[in-house]
Amino acid sequence: MPQFAANLSMLFTEWPFLDRFERAAQAGFRFVEFQFPYEVPAAEIRARLDRYQLQAVLHNMPAGNREAGERGIGCHPDRVEEFRAGIAQAIAYATALGVPRVNVLAGRVPPGVDEQLLRNTFVANLRQAAQAFKQAGLVLLIEPINDIDVPGFYLTRTAQALDLLDEVGADNAFVQYDIYHAQRMEGDVAATLQRHLARIGHVQFADNPGRHEPGTGELNWEFLFAHLDRIGYRGQVGAEYKPATTTEEGLGWLGRYAG
C-alpha cells in the first residue's frame, strides 16, 4: 500500500501548527505536507521535522489573501508581480525544509477578464515558476479543484491541467491529482490515474461526500490504494481531508492501509 503523508493544514487542527508534527509522528506518519507554511519561520518547522524524523513532501506557493476568499492568483493578470515574488518565497521555504514539490494554485477567475488572457497569464506564470523551480531542484504541480466547493476556480479538470502543461512545456511540471476533487468533477478516478500516471506528480485524497476520512463515503479505498501500487505510483499519498470528528478518532484507516 502507499506511503501516506498527513496534511497538517487539515489534520490535527485541534493542536497549534507546530504541535501537529509530534501528533503526526505519534500516529505513525513518516511524511507530512501542509498548504501554506509562510506564517511560521522555516527554521522552526525544520526543527520539528528533524525532532520527529519526518519528511515534508509538499507545500503550496503563496495564494493571495485567503481570508478574503482568494485561492491562488496564478491566473490573475493584475497580480503577476505578486505571483513572481511568491516564487522566491516558495523556493526559500522548500529549500529550507527539504520539500521536493510545490503546488501552484490557479485561483478563482477574476470578474470581467477574457478567457484567453486568463490562460495566457497562467501559462506565463507557470513557465516562470517552472524555470525557477528547476534551478532549485523542485517539481512544480498544478491542481484541479472542484468548483462546487470553490466556485469560480479556474482549473477544474484533469484534461484542462494536461492541456495547460502541454503549453507550458516544462519537464518538471506535473498534475497534483486530488481524488476528492476529481471524484466531484469527473469521476473515473482509477482509469484516469492509470492513463495519466506519468504526468501525475502527487496524489491526495478524501472521501466523498463530505471530504472526510476514508470509509465515510462512497469510494472504495481498498481498491484505490491497491490500484496505485498496481499501476506503479511510487510517490506519497496526501491525506487532505476534514476529520468527521477528531483526527485521532478517524485514523482507523491508516492502520488498515499503511504500507
C-alpha atoms as a PDB file:
ATOM      1  CA  MET A   1       0.000   0.000   0.000  1.00  0.00           C
ATOM      2  CA  PRO A   2       1.125   3.625  -0.484  1.00  0.00           C
ATOM      3  CA  GLN A   3       3.174   5.771   1.843  1.00  0.00           C
ATOM      4  CA  PHE A   4       0.792   8.261   3.404  1.00  0.00           C
ATOM      5  CA  ALA A   5       1.514  11.903   4.205  1.00  0.00           C
ATOM      6  CA  ALA A   6      -0.524  13.763   6.815  1.00  0.00           C
ATOM      7  CA  ASN A   7      -1.695  17.134   5.570  1.00  0.00           C
ATOM      8  CA  LEU A   8      -1.105  19.271   8.653  1.00  0.00           C
ATOM      9  CA  SER A   9      -3.309  22.073   7.364  1.00  0.00           C
ATOM     10  CA  MET A  10      -6.295  19.703   7.582  1.00  0.00           C
ATOM     11  CA  LEU A  11      -5.337  17.063  10.164  1.00  0.00           C
ATOM     12  CA  PHE A  12      -4.523  17.527  13.859  1.00  0.00           C
ATOM     13  CA  THR A  13      -6.025  21.019  13.742  1.00  0.00           C
ATOM     14  CA  GLU A  14      -7.069  20.547  17.367  1.00  0.00           C
ATOM     15  CA  TRP A  15      -3.427  21.481  18.048  1.00  0.00           C
ATOM     16  CA  PRO A  16      -1.304  24.544  17.201  1.00  0.00           C
ATOM     17  CA  PHE A  17       0.512  24.123  13.894  1.00  0.00           C
ATOM     18  CA  LEU A  18       3.951  23.324  15.277  1.00  0.00           C
ATOM     19  CA  ASP A  19       2.495  20.761  17.681  1.00  0.00           C
ATOM     20  CA  ARG A  20       0.913  18.838  14.817  1.00  0.00           C
ATOM     21  CA  PHE A  21       4.261  17.382  13.775  1.00  0.00           C
ATOM     22  CA  GLU A  22       4.527  15.455  17.037  1.00  0.00           C
ATOM     23  CA  ARG A  23       0.930  14.268  16.741  1.00  0.00           C
ATOM     24  CA  ALA A  24       1.517  13.056  13.192  1.00  0.00           C
ATOM     25  CA  ALA A  25       4.634  11.146  14.204  1.00  0.00           C
ATOM     26  CA  GLN A  26       2.860   9.566  17.171  1.00  0.00           C
ATOM     27  CA  ALA A  27       0.026   8.475  14.865  1.00  0.00           C
ATOM     28  CA  GLY A  28       2.507   6.619  12.665  1.00  0.00           C
ATOM     29  CA  PHE A  29       3.066   9.035   9.784  1.00  0.00           C
ATOM     30  CA  ARG A  30       6.587   9.397   8.381  1.00  0.00           C
ATOM     31  CA  PHE A  31       5.631  12.026   5.815  1.00  0.00           C
ATOM     32  CA  VAL A  32       3.776  15.327   6.151  1.00  0.00           C
ATOM     33  CA  GLU A  33       2.581  18.085   3.867  1.00  0.00           C
ATOM     34  CA  PHE A  34       0.996  21.462   4.508  1.00  0.00           C
ATOM     35  CA  GLN A  35      -0.646  24.145   2.469  1.00  0.00           C
ATOM     36  CA  PHE A  36       0.841  27.497   3.478  1.00  0.00           C
ATOM     37  CA  PRO A  37       3.776  27.466   5.913  1.00  0.00           C
ATOM     38  CA  TYR A  38       4.703  31.112   5.469  1.00  0.00           C
ATOM     39  CA  GLU A  39       3.398  32.473   8.778  1.00  0.00           C
ATOM     40  CA  VAL A  40       5.872  30.287  10.684  1.00  0.00           C
ATOM     41  CA  PRO A  41       9.655  30.736  10.333  1.00  0.00           C
ATOM     42  CA  ALA A  42      11.109  27.951   8.216  1.00  0.00           C
ATOM     43  CA  ALA A  43      13.732  27.208  10.873  1.00  0.00           C
ATOM     44  CA  GLU A  44      11.014  26.367  13.419  1.00  0.00           C
ATOM     45  CA  ILE A  45       9.322  23.972  11.006  1.00  0.00           C
ATOM     46  CA  ARG A  46      12.675  22.413  10.112  1.00  0.00           C
ATOM     47  CA  ALA A  47      13.360  21.821  13.804  1.00  0.00           C
ATOM     48  CA  ARG A  48      10.068  19.935  14.221  1.00  0.00           C
ATOM     49  CA  LEU A  49      10.712  17.830  11.139  1.00  0.00           C
ATOM     50  CA  ASP A  50      14.117  16.873  12.455  1.00  0.00           C
ATOM     51  CA  ARG A  51      12.938  16.259  16.011  1.00  0.00           C
ATOM     52  CA  TYR A  52      10.210  13.848  14.939  1.00  0.00           C
ATOM     53  CA  GLN A  53      12.079  12.332  11.970  1.00  0.00           C
ATOM     54  CA  LEU A  54       9.506  13.457   9.438  1.00  0.00           C
ATOM     55  CA  GLN A  55       9.900  14.277   5.757  1.00  0.00           C
ATOM     56  CA  ALA A  56       7.883  17.174   4.331  1.00  0.00           C
ATOM     57  CA  VAL A  57       6.818  16.316   0.790  1.00  0.00           C
ATOM     58  CA  LEU A  58       4.688  19.255  -0.371  1.00  0.00           C
ATOM     59  CA  HIS A  59       3.552  22.789   0.248  1.00  0.00           C
ATOM     60  CA  ASN A  60       1.775  25.414  -1.851  1.00  0.00           C
ATOM     61  CA  MET A  61       3.000  28.671  -3.277  1.00  0.00           C
ATOM     62  CA  PRO A  62       1.598  31.801  -1.601  1.00  0.00           C
ATOM     63  CA  ALA A  63      -2.013  32.113  -2.709  1.00  0.00           C
ATOM     64  CA  GLY A  64      -3.087  35.694  -2.110  1.00  0.00           C
ATOM     65  CA  ASN A  65      -5.488  36.799   0.606  1.00  0.00           C
ATOM     66  CA  ARG A  66      -7.088  33.585   1.818  1.00  0.00           C
ATOM     67  CA  GLU A  67      -9.120  35.361   4.497  1.00  0.00           C
ATOM     68  CA  ALA A  68     -10.785  37.331   1.702  1.00  0.00           C
ATOM     69  CA  GLY A  69     -11.601  34.109  -0.152  1.00  0.00           C
ATOM     70  CA  GLU A  70      -8.708  34.056  -2.585  1.00  0.00           C
ATOM     71  CA  ARG A  71      -7.493  30.587  -3.547  1.00  0.00           C
ATOM     72  CA  GLY A  72      -4.440  31.426  -5.592  1.00  0.00           C
ATOM     73  CA  ILE A  73      -3.506  34.174  -8.047  1.00  0.00           C
ATOM     74  CA  GLY A  74      -1.861  32.233 -10.865  1.00  0.00           C
ATOM     75  CA  CYS A  75      -4.403  33.278 -13.488  1.00  0.00           C
ATOM     76  CA  HIS A  76      -4.812  36.893 -12.335  1.00  0.00           C
ATOM     77  CA  PRO A  77      -3.363  39.339 -14.886  1.00  0.00           C
ATOM     78  CA  ASP A  78      -3.201  42.172 -12.357  1.00  0.00           C
ATOM     79  CA  ARG A  79      -1.255  40.134  -9.780  1.00  0.00           C
ATOM     80  CA  VAL A  80       1.749  38.997 -11.828  1.00  0.00           C
ATOM     81  CA  GLU A  81       4.325  40.868  -9.752  1.00  0.00           C
ATOM     82  CA  GLU A  82       2.879  39.414  -6.559  1.00  0.00           C
ATOM     83  CA  PHE A  83       2.942  35.945  -8.104  1.00  0.00           C
ATOM     84  CA  ARG A  84       6.579  36.314  -9.136  1.00  0.00           C
ATOM     85  CA  ALA A  85       7.511  37.425  -5.612  1.00  0.00           C
ATOM     86  CA  GLY A  86       5.782  34.318  -4.310  1.00  0.00           C
ATOM     87  CA  ILE A  87       8.052  32.113  -6.427  1.00  0.00           C
ATOM     88  CA  ALA A  88      11.096  33.241  -4.468  1.00  0.00           C
ATOM     89  CA  GLN A  89       9.314  32.799  -1.143  1.00  0.00           C
ATOM     90  CA  ALA A  90       8.173  29.290  -2.053  1.00  0.00           C
ATOM     91  CA  ILE A  91      11.675  28.290  -3.130  1.00  0.00           C
ATOM     92  CA  ALA A  92      13.172  29.635   0.086  1.00  0.00           C
ATOM     93  CA  TYR A  93      10.802  27.561   2.224  1.00  0.00           C
ATOM     94  CA  ALA A  94      11.086  24.439   0.091  1.00  0.00           C
ATOM     95  CA  THR A  95      14.862  24.611   0.185  1.00  0.00           C
ATOM     96  CA  ALA A  96      14.980  25.130   3.945  1.00  0.00           C
ATOM     97  CA  LEU A  97      12.506  22.321   4.608  1.00  0.00           C
ATOM     98  CA  GLY A  98      13.745  19.800   2.053  1.00  0.00           C
ATOM     99  CA  VAL A  99      10.386  19.848   0.266  1.00  0.00           C
ATOM    100  CA  PRO A 100      10.700  18.386  -3.259  1.00  0.00           C
ATOM    101  CA  ARG A 101       7.481  19.695  -4.846  1.00  0.00           C
ATOM    102  CA  VAL A 102       5.437  22.894  -4.705  1.00  0.00           C
ATOM    103  CA  ASN A 103       1.807  23.300  -5.756  1.00  0.00           C
ATOM    104  CA  VAL A 104       0.841  26.406  -7.740  1.00  0.00           C
ATOM    105  CA  LEU A 105      -2.828  27.333  -7.356  1.00  0.00           C
ATOM    106  CA  ALA A 106      -4.564  28.887 -10.346  1.00  0.00           C
ATOM    107  CA  GLY A 107      -7.105  30.826  -8.278  1.00  0.00           C
ATOM    108  CA  ARG A 108     -10.644  31.940  -8.858  1.00  0.00           C
ATOM    109  CA  VAL A 109     -11.491  33.647 -12.128  1.00  0.00           C
ATOM    110  CA  PRO A 110     -11.476  37.420 -11.584  1.00  0.00           C
ATOM    111  CA  PRO A 111     -14.606  39.125 -12.943  1.00  0.00           C
ATOM    112  CA  GLY A 112     -14.574  40.598 -16.409  1.00  0.00           C
ATOM    113  CA  VAL A 113     -11.297  39.057 -17.591  1.00  0.00           C
ATOM    114  CA  ASP A 114     -11.127  37.489 -21.046  1.00  0.00           C
ATOM    115  CA  GLU A 115     -10.633  33.712 -21.083  1.00  0.00           C
ATOM    116  CA  GLN A 116      -7.597  33.899 -23.349  1.00  0.00           C
ATOM    117  CA  LEU A 117      -5.947  36.454 -21.081  1.00  0.00           C
ATOM    118  CA  LEU A 118      -6.547  34.197 -18.082  1.00  0.00           C
ATOM    119  CA  ARG A 119      -4.896  31.297 -19.864  1.00  0.00           C
ATOM    120  CA  ASN A 120      -2.000  33.361 -21.182  1.00  0.00           C
ATOM    121  CA  THR A 121      -1.342  34.751 -17.711  1.00  0.00           C
ATOM    122  CA  PHE A 122      -1.398  31.367 -16.024  1.00  0.00           C
ATOM    123  CA  VAL A 123       0.812  29.754 -18.664  1.00  0.00           C
ATOM    124  CA  ALA A 124       3.357  32.586 -18.490  1.00  0.00           C
ATOM    125  CA  ASN A 125       3.398  32.444 -14.686  1.00  0.00           C
ATOM    126  CA  LEU A 126       3.839  28.669 -14.748  1.00  0.00           C
ATOM    127  CA  ARG A 127       6.730  28.912 -17.192  1.00  0.00           C
ATOM    128  CA  GLN A 128       8.432  31.446 -14.961  1.00  0.00           C
ATOM    129  CA  ALA A 129       7.859  29.343 -11.854  1.00  0.00           C
ATOM    130  CA  ALA A 130       8.909  26.091 -13.526  1.00  0.00           C
ATOM    131  CA  GLN A 131      12.187  27.593 -14.682  1.00  0.00           C
ATOM    132  CA  ALA A 132      12.970  28.951 -11.222  1.00  0.00           C
ATOM    133  CA  PHE A 133      11.885  25.713  -9.551  1.00  0.00           C
ATOM    134  CA  LYS A 134      14.084  23.659 -11.873  1.00  0.00           C
ATOM    135  CA  GLN A 135      17.126  25.692 -10.947  1.00  0.00           C
ATOM    136  CA  ALA A 136      16.285  24.953  -7.302  1.00  0.00           C
ATOM    137  CA  GLY A 137      15.717  21.244  -7.978  1.00  0.00           C
ATOM    138  CA  LEU A 138      11.955  21.415  -7.373  1.00  0.00           C
ATOM    139  CA  VAL A 139       8.925  19.899  -9.081  1.00  0.00           C
ATOM    140  CA  LEU A 140       6.032  22.211  -9.954  1.00  0.00           C
ATOM    141  CA  LEU A 141       2.468  20.961  -9.547  1.00  0.00           C
ATOM    142  CA  ILE A 142      -0.893  22.340 -10.636  1.00  0.00           C
ATOM    143  CA  GLU A 143      -4.083  21.103  -9.009  1.00  0.00           C
ATOM    144  CA  PRO A 144      -7.579  20.884 -10.482  1.00  0.00           C
ATOM    145  CA  ILE A 145     -10.084  21.846  -7.751  1.00  0.00           C
ATOM    146  CA  ASN A 146     -13.819  21.316  -7.919  1.00  0.00           C
ATOM    147  CA  ASP A 147     -15.876  24.452  -8.465  1.00  0.00           C
ATOM    148  CA  ILE A 148     -18.710  23.188  -6.285  1.00  0.00           C
ATOM    149  CA  ASP A 149     -16.687  23.733  -3.122  1.00  0.00           C
ATOM    150  CA  VAL A 150     -14.676  26.611  -4.611  1.00  0.00           C
ATOM    151  CA  PRO A 151     -16.995  28.432  -7.037  1.00  0.00           C
ATOM    152  CA  GLY A 152     -15.236  30.124  -9.912  1.00  0.00           C
ATOM    153  CA  PHE A 153     -11.952  28.250  -9.585  1.00  0.00           C
ATOM    154  CA  TYR A 154     -10.128  28.433 -12.904  1.00  0.00           C
ATOM    155  CA  LEU A 155      -8.624  24.944 -13.084  1.00  0.00           C
ATOM    156  CA  THR A 156     -11.197  22.202 -12.513  1.00  0.00           C
ATOM    157  CA  ARG A 157     -10.447  19.121 -14.628  1.00  0.00           C
ATOM    158  CA  THR A 158      -7.572  16.774 -15.378  1.00  0.00           C
ATOM    159  CA  ALA A 159      -7.753  17.288 -19.148  1.00  0.00           C
ATOM    160  CA  GLN A 160      -7.575  21.055 -18.678  1.00  0.00           C
ATOM    161  CA  ALA A 161      -4.496  20.699 -16.465  1.00  0.00           C
ATOM    162  CA  LEU A 162      -2.763  18.464 -19.001  1.00  0.00           C
ATOM    163  CA  ASP A 163      -3.561  20.876 -21.809  1.00  0.00           C
ATOM    164  CA  LEU A 164      -2.058  23.769 -19.841  1.00  0.00           C
ATOM    165  CA  LEU A 165       1.057  21.751 -19.042  1.00  0.00           C
ATOM    166  CA  ASP A 166       1.440  20.899 -22.723  1.00  0.00           C
ATOM    167  CA  GLU A 167       1.577  24.621 -23.475  1.00  0.00           C
ATOM    168  CA  VAL A 168       3.925  25.358 -20.570  1.00  0.00           C
ATOM    169  CA  GLY A 169       6.325  22.730 -21.906  1.00  0.00           C
ATOM    170  CA  ALA A 170       8.347  22.243 -18.722  1.00  0.00           C
ATOM    171  CA  ASP A 171       9.725  18.806 -17.874  1.00  0.00           C
ATOM    172  CA  ASN A 172       9.460  19.466 -14.122  1.00  0.00           C
ATOM    173  CA  ALA A 173       5.745  20.367 -14.186  1.00  0.00           C
ATOM    174  CA  PHE A 174       3.066  17.799 -13.305  1.00  0.00           C
ATOM    175  CA  VAL A 175      -0.530  17.394 -12.155  1.00  0.00           C
ATOM    176  CA  GLN A 176      -1.390  17.200  -8.485  1.00  0.00           C
ATOM    177  CA  TYR A 177      -4.270  14.734  -8.611  1.00  0.00           C
ATOM    178  CA  ASP A 178      -6.662  15.107  -5.683  1.00  0.00           C
ATOM    179  CA  ILE A 179      -9.040  12.146  -5.687  1.00  0.00           C
ATOM    180  CA  TYR A 180     -11.751  14.069  -3.837  1.00  0.00           C
ATOM    181  CA  HIS A 181     -11.810  16.983  -6.278  1.00  0.00           C
ATOM    182  CA  ALA A 182     -11.600  14.626  -9.252  1.00  0.00           C
ATOM    183  CA  GLN A 183     -14.472  12.489  -7.978  1.00  0.00           C
ATOM    184  CA  ARG A 184     -16.685  15.551  -7.631  1.00  0.00           C
ATOM    185  CA  MET A 185     -15.884  16.926 -11.074  1.00  0.00           C
ATOM    186  CA  GLU A 186     -15.376  13.931 -13.348  1.00  0.00           C
ATOM    187  CA  GLY A 187     -15.281  10.545 -11.592  1.00  0.00           C
ATOM    188  CA  ASP A 188     -13.460   7.701 -13.386  1.00  0.00           C
ATOM    189  CA  VAL A 189     -10.680   8.019 -10.820  1.00  0.00           C
ATOM    190  CA  ALA A 190      -8.891   4.683 -11.259  1.00  0.00           C
ATOM    191  CA  ALA A 191      -8.766   4.862 -15.055  1.00  0.00           C
ATOM    192  CA  THR A 192      -7.623   8.494 -15.006  1.00  0.00           C
ATOM    193  CA  LEU A 193      -4.808   7.718 -12.579  1.00  0.00           C
ATOM    194  CA  GLN A 194      -3.635   4.845 -14.750  1.00  0.00           C
ATOM    195  CA  ARG A 195      -3.970   6.700 -18.048  1.00  0.00           C
ATOM    196  CA  HIS A 196      -2.037   9.759 -16.915  1.00  0.00           C
ATOM    197  CA  LEU A 197       0.271   8.313 -14.261  1.00  0.00           C
ATOM    198  CA  ALA A 198       3.423   9.575 -15.973  1.00  0.00           C
ATOM    199  CA  ARG A 199       2.124  13.138 -15.696  1.00  0.00           C
ATOM    200  CA  ILE A 200       0.894  12.959 -12.110  1.00  0.00           C
ATOM    201  CA  GLY A 201       3.445  14.223  -9.613  1.00  0.00           C
ATOM    202  CA  HIS A 202       1.462  13.854  -6.396  1.00  0.00           C
ATOM    203  CA  VAL A 203      -1.806  12.305  -5.221  1.00  0.00           C
ATOM    204  CA  GLN A 204      -4.101  13.470  -2.416  1.00  0.00           C
ATOM    205  CA  PHE A 205      -7.358  12.061  -1.126  1.00  0.00           C
ATOM    206  CA  ALA A 206     -10.528  12.488   0.890  1.00  0.00           C
ATOM    207  CA  ASP A 207     -13.778  10.574   0.742  1.00  0.00           C
ATOM    208  CA  ASN A 208     -16.906  11.882  -0.938  1.00  0.00           C
ATOM    209  CA  PRO A 209     -19.360  13.260   0.060  1.00  0.00           C
ATOM    210  CA  GLY A 210     -18.187  15.396   2.946  1.00  0.00           C
ATOM    211  CA  ARG A 211     -14.420  15.426   2.305  1.00  0.00           C
ATOM    212  CA  HIS A 212     -13.869  13.260   5.367  1.00  0.00           C
ATOM    213  CA  GLU A 213     -11.572  10.307   6.047  1.00  0.00           C
ATOM    214  CA  PRO A 214     -11.667   7.064   4.026  1.00  0.00           C
ATOM    215  CA  GLY A 215     -14.645   4.905   4.906  1.00  0.00           C
ATOM    216  CA  THR A 216     -17.096   7.749   5.436  1.00  0.00           C
ATOM    217  CA  GLY A 217     -18.320   7.963   1.846  1.00  0.00           C
ATOM    218  CA  GLU A 218     -18.769   6.243  -1.477  1.00  0.00           C
ATOM    219  CA  LEU A 219     -15.224   5.459  -2.605  1.00  0.00           C
ATOM    220  CA  ASN A 220     -13.617   2.011  -2.448  1.00  0.00           C
ATOM    221  CA  TRP A 221     -10.342   2.796  -0.730  1.00  0.00           C
ATOM    222  CA  GLU A 222      -9.044  -0.748  -0.505  1.00  0.00           C
ATOM    223  CA  PHE A 223      -9.287  -0.922  -4.280  1.00  0.00           C
ATOM    224  CA  LEU A 224      -7.929   2.588  -4.966  1.00  0.00           C
ATOM    225  CA  PHE A 225      -4.897   2.354  -2.690  1.00  0.00           C
ATOM    226  CA  ALA A 226      -4.031  -1.094  -4.074  1.00  0.00           C
ATOM    227  CA  HIS A 227      -4.610   0.279  -7.574  1.00  0.00           C
ATOM    228  CA  LEU A 228      -1.963   2.959  -7.026  1.00  0.00           C
ATOM    229  CA  ASP A 229       0.511   0.182  -6.220  1.00  0.00           C
ATOM    230  CA  ARG A 230      -0.552  -1.906  -9.205  1.00  0.00           C
ATOM    231  CA  ILE A 231      -0.082   0.881 -11.714  1.00  0.00           C
ATOM    232  CA  GLY A 232       3.331   1.779 -10.315  1.00  0.00           C
ATOM    233  CA  TYR A 233       2.745   5.011  -8.388  1.00  0.00           C
ATOM    234  CA  ARG A 234       5.757   5.467  -6.121  1.00  0.00           C
ATOM    235  CA  GLY A 235       5.123   8.842  -4.510  1.00  0.00           C
ATOM    236  CA  GLN A 236       3.438   9.667  -1.237  1.00  0.00           C
ATOM    237  CA  VAL A 237      -0.337   9.986  -0.965  1.00  0.00           C
ATOM    238  CA  GLY A 238      -1.502  13.026   0.949  1.00  0.00           C
ATOM    239  CA  ALA A 239      -4.341  12.688   3.472  1.00  0.00           C
ATOM    240  CA  GLU A 240      -6.018  16.048   2.862  1.00  0.00           C
ATOM    241  CA  TYR A 241      -9.418  15.645   4.457  1.00  0.00           C
ATOM    242  CA  LYS A 242     -11.594  17.168   7.166  1.00  0.00           C
ATOM    243  CA  PRO A 243     -11.876  14.693  10.046  1.00  0.00           C
ATOM    244  CA  ALA A 244     -15.511  13.812  10.737  1.00  0.00           C
ATOM    245  CA  THR A 245     -14.840  14.160  14.489  1.00  0.00           C
ATOM    246  CA  THR A 246     -11.271  14.454  15.767  1.00  0.00           C
ATOM    247  CA  THR A 247      -8.224  13.479  13.767  1.00  0.00           C
ATOM    248  CA  GLU A 248      -7.177  10.645  16.080  1.00  0.00           C
ATOM    249  CA  GLU A 249     -10.674   9.147  16.214  1.00  0.00           C
ATOM    250  CA  GLY A 250     -10.765   8.972  12.426  1.00  0.00           C
ATOM    251  CA  LEU A 251      -7.362   7.372  11.842  1.00  0.00           C
ATOM    252  CA  GLY A 252      -8.525   3.752  11.755  1.00  0.00           C
ATOM    253  CA  TRP A 253      -7.953   3.733   8.007  1.00  0.00           C
ATOM    254  CA  LEU A 254      -4.220   4.305   8.495  1.00  0.00           C
ATOM    255  CA  GLY A 255      -3.720   1.003  10.276  1.00  0.00           C
ATOM    256  CA  ARG A 256      -5.685  -0.805   7.566  1.00  0.00           C
ATOM    257  CA  TYR A 257      -3.973   0.666   4.542  1.00  0.00           C
ATOM    258  CA  ALA A 258      -0.482   1.850   5.502  1.00  0.00           C
ATOM    259  CA  GLY A 259       2.265   0.038   3.656  1.00  0.00           C
END
